[in-house]
Amino acid sequence: MEKEPIVEAMFQSSIYVELGDGRKALFWTDCWLQGQSLLDLAPCLCSAVGARIKGQRTVAQALSRDQWIGGISGALTKQILLDYLQVWDWTRHIQLLENQPDRICWKWMGTESSPPPPRTWLSSLATSD
């Protein structure tokens, strides 16, 4: 089944991952690092990683013995190296939680600190032209 790019983009921008054991979240493409993806945080570095690796390597796999480095190929520009150093620093502080699965979260659901928008606001969106 082929994915619709616009639908996929909308879905991806609507979720984030709370890391647990890191076995569900994709290292390069999912929003697991403070609610953002490495595609957004280190776009030049991500461009040096093959599509198959980006679509398959989980956070747990990537962090194990720094295997994320092995997916980088091609010419290493200054910006790619700067992105690499940023990702290196960020990944030094990640601690996975054994036996606790990652949790996929919907950005548009409210929390105690950020309640959902009022129903009247939502209904006005649905009826506006």
N, C-alpha and C. Protein backbone atom coordinates (compact mmCIF):
# COMPACT_ATOMS: atom_id res chain seq x y z
N MET A 1 0.84 -1.17 0.00
CA MET A 1 0.00 0.00 0.00
C MET A 1 0.89 1.25 0.00
N GLU A 2 0.64 2.14 -0.92
CA GLU A 2 1.43 3.36 -1.04
C GLU A 2 0.89 4.43 -0.10
N LYS A 3 1.81 5.15 0.54
CA LYS A 3 1.41 6.21 1.47
C LYS A 3 1.24 7.51 0.70
N GLU A 4 0.24 8.27 1.10
CA GLU A 4 0.05 9.62 0.56
C GLU A 4 1.03 10.54 1.29
N PRO A 5 1.93 11.21 0.58
CA PRO A 5 2.94 12.05 1.25
C PRO A 5 2.36 13.11 2.18
N ILE A 6 1.29 13.77 1.77
CA ILE A 6 0.72 14.84 2.61
C ILE A 6 0.10 14.27 3.88
N VAL A 7 -0.55 13.11 3.75
CA VAL A 7 -1.16 12.47 4.92
C VAL A 7 -0.06 12.00 5.87
N GLU A 8 1.00 11.41 5.31
CA GLU A 8 2.12 10.95 6.13
C GLU A 8 2.77 12.13 6.86
N ALA A 9 2.96 13.24 6.17
CA ALA A 9 3.57 14.43 6.79
C ALA A 9 2.68 14.97 7.91
N MET A 10 1.38 15.00 7.69
CA MET A 10 0.47 15.49 8.73
C MET A 10 0.49 14.57 9.94
N PHE A 11 0.49 13.27 9.69
CA PHE A 11 0.53 12.31 10.79
C PHE A 11 1.83 12.46 11.58
N GLN A 12 2.96 12.51 10.86
CA GLN A 12 4.26 12.61 11.54
C GLN A 12 4.37 13.90 12.36
N SER A 13 3.77 14.98 11.87
CA SER A 13 3.84 16.23 12.62
C SER A 13 2.88 16.25 13.80
N SER A 14 2.04 15.23 13.91
CA SER A 14 1.05 15.18 14.99
C SER A 14 1.42 14.23 16.11
N ILE A 15 2.53 13.52 15.98
CA ILE A 15 2.93 12.56 17.02
C ILE A 15 4.35 12.83 17.50
N TYR A 16 4.62 12.34 18.69
CA TYR A 16 5.99 12.30 19.21
C TYR A 16 6.11 11.02 20.02
N VAL A 17 7.33 10.64 20.34
CA VAL A 17 7.58 9.40 21.06
C VAL A 17 8.22 9.71 22.40
N GLU A 18 7.62 9.15 23.45
CA GLU A 18 8.27 9.15 24.77
C GLU A 18 9.08 7.87 24.83
N LEU A 19 10.38 8.02 24.90
CA LEU A 19 11.26 6.85 24.88
C LEU A 19 11.10 5.98 26.11
N GLY A 20 11.09 4.71 25.85
CA GLY A 20 11.15 3.69 26.89
C GLY A 20 12.40 2.87 26.59
N ASP A 21 12.19 1.68 26.00
CA ASP A 21 13.32 0.82 25.65
C ASP A 21 13.93 1.16 24.28
N GLY A 22 13.30 2.06 23.53
CA GLY A 22 13.85 2.49 22.25
C GLY A 22 13.66 1.53 21.10
N ARG A 23 12.83 0.51 21.29
CA ARG A 23 12.68 -0.52 20.25
C ARG A 23 11.55 -0.23 19.26
N LYS A 24 10.77 0.81 19.49
CA LYS A 24 9.70 1.16 18.57
C LYS A 24 10.04 2.43 17.78
N ALA A 25 10.67 3.38 18.41
CA ALA A 25 10.98 4.68 17.78
C ALA A 25 12.10 4.53 16.77
N LEU A 26 11.90 5.12 15.59
CA LEU A 26 12.94 5.13 14.57
C LEU A 26 13.90 6.28 14.86
N PHE A 27 15.19 5.97 14.86
CA PHE A 27 16.22 6.92 15.26
C PHE A 27 16.24 8.18 14.40
N TRP A 28 16.20 8.03 13.09
CA TRP A 28 16.37 9.18 12.20
C TRP A 28 15.09 9.95 11.94
N THR A 29 13.94 9.29 11.95
CA THR A 29 12.73 9.95 11.45
C THR A 29 11.67 10.26 12.49
N ASP A 30 11.64 9.54 13.59
CA ASP A 30 10.60 9.79 14.59
C ASP A 30 10.97 10.95 15.52
N CYS A 31 9.96 11.58 16.08
CA CYS A 31 10.14 12.72 17.01
C CYS A 31 10.34 12.18 18.42
N TRP A 32 11.55 11.76 18.72
CA TRP A 32 11.85 11.17 20.03
C TRP A 32 12.82 12.01 20.86
N LEU A 33 13.46 12.98 20.25
CA LEU A 33 14.47 13.77 20.94
C LEU A 33 13.87 15.12 21.30
N GLN A 34 13.36 15.22 22.52
CA GLN A 34 12.66 16.42 22.99
C GLN A 34 11.54 16.82 22.02
N GLY A 35 10.81 15.81 21.53
CA GLY A 35 9.66 16.06 20.67
C GLY A 35 10.01 16.39 19.23
N GLN A 36 11.27 16.26 18.85
CA GLN A 36 11.68 16.55 17.48
C GLN A 36 12.42 15.37 16.88
N SER A 37 12.46 15.34 15.55
CA SER A 37 13.18 14.28 14.86
C SER A 37 14.57 14.77 14.46
N LEU A 38 15.46 13.84 14.22
CA LEU A 38 16.77 14.21 13.72
C LEU A 38 16.68 14.78 12.31
N LEU A 39 15.64 14.43 11.57
CA LEU A 39 15.42 15.05 10.26
C LEU A 39 15.29 16.56 10.41
N ASP A 40 14.66 17.00 11.49
CA ASP A 40 14.48 18.43 11.74
C ASP A 40 15.71 19.05 12.41
N LEU A 41 16.32 18.31 13.32
CA LEU A 41 17.42 18.85 14.11
C LEU A 41 18.77 18.81 13.40
N ALA A 42 18.98 17.81 12.56
CA ALA A 42 20.27 17.62 11.87
C ALA A 42 20.03 17.22 10.42
N PRO A 43 19.39 18.09 9.64
CA PRO A 43 18.98 17.71 8.28
C PRO A 43 20.13 17.36 7.35
N CYS A 44 21.25 18.04 7.48
CA CYS A 44 22.37 17.73 6.58
C CYS A 44 22.94 16.34 6.88
N LEU A 45 23.06 16.00 8.15
CA LEU A 45 23.53 14.67 8.52
C LEU A 45 22.55 13.61 8.02
N CYS A 46 21.27 13.87 8.19
CA CYS A 46 20.26 12.91 7.73
C CYS A 46 20.32 12.68 6.23
N SER A 47 20.70 13.70 5.49
CA SER A 47 20.81 13.54 4.03
C SER A 47 21.95 12.61 3.65
N ALA A 48 22.87 12.35 4.58
CA ALA A 48 23.99 11.44 4.33
C ALA A 48 23.69 10.02 4.79
N VAL A 49 22.44 9.75 5.15
CA VAL A 49 22.03 8.42 5.60
C VAL A 49 21.03 7.87 4.59
N GLY A 50 21.20 6.62 4.20
CA GLY A 50 20.32 5.99 3.22
C GLY A 50 18.89 5.84 3.71
N ALA A 51 17.97 5.84 2.75
CA ALA A 51 16.54 5.75 3.06
C ALA A 51 16.19 4.47 3.81
N ARG A 52 16.80 3.36 3.44
CA ARG A 52 16.49 2.08 4.10
C ARG A 52 16.87 2.14 5.58
N ILE A 53 18.03 2.68 5.86
CA ILE A 53 18.48 2.79 7.26
C ILE A 53 17.57 3.74 8.03
N LYS A 54 17.23 4.87 7.43
CA LYS A 54 16.34 5.83 8.10
C LYS A 54 14.99 5.20 8.42
N GLY A 55 14.51 4.34 7.55
CA GLY A 55 13.20 3.74 7.72
C GLY A 55 13.16 2.49 8.59
N GLN A 56 14.34 2.02 9.04
CA GLN A 56 14.37 0.76 9.79
C GLN A 56 15.08 0.83 11.14
N ARG A 57 16.10 1.66 11.28
CA ARG A 57 16.93 1.63 12.48
C ARG A 57 16.22 2.29 13.66
N THR A 58 16.02 1.51 14.71
CA THR A 58 15.37 2.03 15.91
C THR A 58 16.37 2.78 16.78
N VAL A 59 15.85 3.50 17.74
CA VAL A 59 16.71 4.22 18.68
C VAL A 59 17.59 3.23 19.43
N ALA A 60 17.01 2.11 19.88
CA ALA A 60 17.79 1.11 20.62
C ALA A 60 18.94 0.57 19.77
N GLN A 61 18.65 0.24 18.52
CA GLN A 61 19.69 -0.27 17.63
C GLN A 61 20.77 0.78 17.38
N ALA A 62 20.34 2.01 17.12
CA ALA A 62 21.27 3.08 16.79
C ALA A 62 22.19 3.42 17.96
N LEU A 63 21.66 3.43 19.17
CA LEU A 63 22.46 3.79 20.33
C LEU A 63 23.39 2.66 20.78
N SER A 64 23.04 1.43 20.45
CA SER A 64 23.88 0.30 20.83
C SER A 64 25.22 0.41 20.11
N ARG A 65 26.27 0.61 20.88
CA ARG A 65 27.63 0.76 20.33
C ARG A 65 27.71 1.83 19.24
N ASP A 66 26.87 2.88 19.36
CA ASP A 66 26.86 4.00 18.42
C ASP A 66 26.72 3.55 16.97
N GLN A 67 25.83 2.58 16.74
CA GLN A 67 25.64 2.08 15.38
C GLN A 67 25.06 3.10 14.42
N TRP A 68 24.51 4.20 14.95
CA TRP A 68 23.97 5.23 14.08
C TRP A 68 25.05 5.82 13.18
N ILE A 69 26.29 5.78 13.63
CA ILE A 69 27.40 6.34 12.86
C ILE A 69 27.63 5.54 11.57
N GLY A 70 27.42 4.23 11.65
CA GLY A 70 27.66 3.36 10.51
C GLY A 70 26.74 3.62 9.33
N GLY A 71 25.64 4.32 9.54
CA GLY A 71 24.72 4.60 8.44
C GLY A 71 25.09 5.83 7.63
N ILE A 72 26.09 6.57 8.08
CA ILE A 72 26.48 7.80 7.39
C ILE A 72 27.41 7.45 6.24
N SER A 73 27.12 8.00 5.06
CA SER A 73 27.97 7.73 3.89
C SER A 73 28.06 8.96 3.00
N GLY A 74 28.99 8.92 2.08
CA GLY A 74 29.14 10.02 1.13
C GLY A 74 30.12 11.07 1.64
N ALA A 75 30.16 12.18 0.92
CA ALA A 75 31.07 13.27 1.26
C ALA A 75 30.63 13.93 2.57
N LEU A 76 31.58 14.20 3.41
CA LEU A 76 31.30 14.83 4.70
C LEU A 76 31.60 16.32 4.63
N THR A 77 30.56 17.09 4.43
CA THR A 77 30.71 18.54 4.37
C THR A 77 30.86 19.10 5.79
N LYS A 78 31.19 20.37 5.87
CA LYS A 78 31.32 21.03 7.17
C LYS A 78 30.01 20.96 7.95
N GLN A 79 28.87 21.19 7.27
CA GLN A 79 27.58 21.16 7.96
C GLN A 79 27.22 19.75 8.44
N ILE A 80 27.55 18.75 7.64
CA ILE A 80 27.32 17.36 8.07
C ILE A 80 28.14 17.07 9.32
N LEU A 81 29.39 17.51 9.34
CA LEU A 81 30.23 17.28 10.52
C LEU A 81 29.71 18.02 11.74
N LEU A 82 29.21 19.24 11.55
CA LEU A 82 28.62 19.98 12.67
C LEU A 82 27.38 19.27 13.20
N ASP A 83 26.52 18.79 12.29
CA ASP A 83 25.34 18.02 12.70
C ASP A 83 25.77 16.76 13.45
N TYR A 84 26.79 16.08 12.94
CA TYR A 84 27.30 14.86 13.57
C TYR A 84 27.72 15.13 15.01
N LEU A 85 28.46 16.21 15.22
CA LEU A 85 28.91 16.54 16.58
C LEU A 85 27.74 16.84 17.50
N GLN A 86 26.71 17.51 16.98
CA GLN A 86 25.50 17.77 17.78
C GLN A 86 24.83 16.47 18.18
N VAL A 87 24.62 15.58 17.21
CA VAL A 87 23.95 14.30 17.49
C VAL A 87 24.80 13.48 18.47
N TRP A 88 26.11 13.51 18.29
CA TRP A 88 27.00 12.81 19.22
C TRP A 88 26.75 13.30 20.66
N ASP A 89 26.72 14.62 20.84
CA ASP A 89 26.48 15.18 22.17
C ASP A 89 25.11 14.79 22.70
N TRP A 90 24.08 14.90 21.87
CA TRP A 90 22.72 14.58 22.32
C TRP A 90 22.60 13.12 22.73
N THR A 91 23.24 12.22 21.99
CA THR A 91 23.07 10.79 22.28
C THR A 91 23.86 10.33 23.50
N ARG A 92 24.78 11.15 23.99
CA ARG A 92 25.54 10.77 25.20
C ARG A 92 24.64 10.74 26.42
N HIS A 93 23.52 11.45 26.39
CA HIS A 93 22.68 11.61 27.58
C HIS A 93 21.40 10.78 27.53
N ILE A 94 21.22 9.98 26.52
CA ILE A 94 19.99 9.19 26.38
C ILE A 94 20.12 7.92 27.22
N GLN A 95 19.14 7.70 28.08
CA GLN A 95 19.10 6.48 28.88
C GLN A 95 17.80 5.76 28.58
N LEU A 96 17.91 4.59 27.98
CA LEU A 96 16.72 3.80 27.65
C LEU A 96 16.26 3.05 28.90
N LEU A 97 14.97 2.76 28.94
CA LEU A 97 14.36 2.09 30.09
C LEU A 97 14.00 0.66 29.72
N GLU A 98 14.79 -0.27 30.22
CA GLU A 98 14.59 -1.68 29.91
C GLU A 98 13.19 -2.14 30.32
N ASN A 99 12.57 -2.94 29.50
CA ASN A 99 11.23 -3.51 29.74
C ASN A 99 10.12 -2.47 29.80
N GLN A 100 10.36 -1.29 29.30
CA GLN A 100 9.31 -0.27 29.22
C GLN A 100 9.22 0.16 27.76
N PRO A 101 8.14 -0.20 27.08
CA PRO A 101 8.04 0.13 25.66
C PRO A 101 7.93 1.64 25.42
N ASP A 102 8.38 2.05 24.24
CA ASP A 102 8.20 3.45 23.83
C ASP A 102 6.71 3.73 23.78
N ARG A 103 6.38 4.99 23.96
CA ARG A 103 4.97 5.40 23.94
C ARG A 103 4.78 6.44 22.84
N ILE A 104 3.90 6.11 21.89
CA ILE A 104 3.56 7.05 20.82
C ILE A 104 2.49 7.99 21.38
N CYS A 105 2.76 9.29 21.29
CA CYS A 105 1.85 10.29 21.87
C CYS A 105 1.31 11.21 20.78
N TRP A 106 0.07 11.58 20.93
CA TRP A 106 -0.62 12.49 20.02
C TRP A 106 -0.43 13.90 20.54
N LYS A 107 0.18 14.77 19.74
CA LYS A 107 0.49 16.14 20.18
C LYS A 107 -0.75 16.95 20.51
N TRP A 108 -1.88 16.63 19.93
CA TRP A 108 -3.05 17.49 20.05
C TRP A 108 -3.94 17.12 21.22
N MET A 109 -3.53 16.16 22.03
CA MET A 109 -4.28 15.83 23.25
C MET A 109 -3.74 16.70 24.37
N GLY A 110 -4.61 17.15 25.22
CA GLY A 110 -4.19 18.01 26.31
C GLY A 110 -3.54 17.24 27.44
N THR A 111 -2.75 17.97 28.21
CA THR A 111 -2.18 17.45 29.44
C THR A 111 -2.57 18.44 30.53
N GLU A 112 -2.17 18.17 31.75
CA GLU A 112 -2.50 19.10 32.83
C GLU A 112 -1.90 20.48 32.56
N SER A 113 -0.70 20.51 31.99
CA SER A 113 -0.07 21.81 31.74
C SER A 113 -0.51 22.42 30.41
N SER A 114 -1.09 21.61 29.54
CA SER A 114 -1.53 22.10 28.23
C SER A 114 -2.86 21.45 27.87
N PRO A 115 -3.96 22.00 28.36
CA PRO A 115 -5.26 21.38 28.10
C PRO A 115 -5.65 21.46 26.63
N PRO A 116 -6.53 20.56 26.18
CA PRO A 116 -6.97 20.64 24.80
C PRO A 116 -7.77 21.92 24.56
N PRO A 117 -7.85 22.37 23.30
CA PRO A 117 -8.63 23.58 23.03
C PRO A 117 -10.10 23.36 23.36
N PRO A 118 -10.82 24.41 23.73
CA PRO A 118 -12.24 24.27 24.05
C PRO A 118 -13.04 23.78 22.84
N ARG A 119 -14.10 23.05 23.12
CA ARG A 119 -14.95 22.51 22.04
C ARG A 119 -15.48 23.61 21.13
N THR A 120 -15.78 24.76 21.68
CA THR A 120 -16.32 25.84 20.85
C THR A 120 -15.31 26.28 19.81
N TRP A 121 -14.03 26.31 20.19
CA TRP A 121 -12.98 26.68 19.25
C TRP A 121 -12.84 25.62 18.18
N LEU A 122 -12.89 24.35 18.58
CA LEU A 122 -12.78 23.25 17.61
C LEU A 122 -13.97 23.27 16.64
N SER A 123 -15.17 23.49 17.16
CA SER A 123 -16.35 23.49 16.27
C SER A 123 -16.31 24.67 15.32
N SER A 124 -15.73 25.80 15.74
CA SER A 124 -15.66 26.93 14.83
C SER A 124 -14.67 26.65 13.69
N LEU A 125 -13.65 25.85 13.98
CA LEU A 125 -12.71 25.47 12.92
C LEU A 125 -13.40 24.58 11.88
N ALA A 126 -14.24 23.68 12.37
CA ALA A 126 -14.91 22.74 11.48
C ALA A 126 -15.93 23.44 10.59
N THR A 127 -16.50 24.56 11.04
CA THR A 127 -17.54 25.21 10.27
C THR A 127 -17.06 26.42 9.49
N SER A 128 -15.79 26.84 9.73
CA SER A 128 -15.30 28.03 9.01
C SER A 128 -15.00 27.68 7.56
N ASP A 129 -15.10 28.70 6.69
CA ASP A 129 -14.82 28.49 5.26
C ASP A 129 -13.44 28.83 4.91
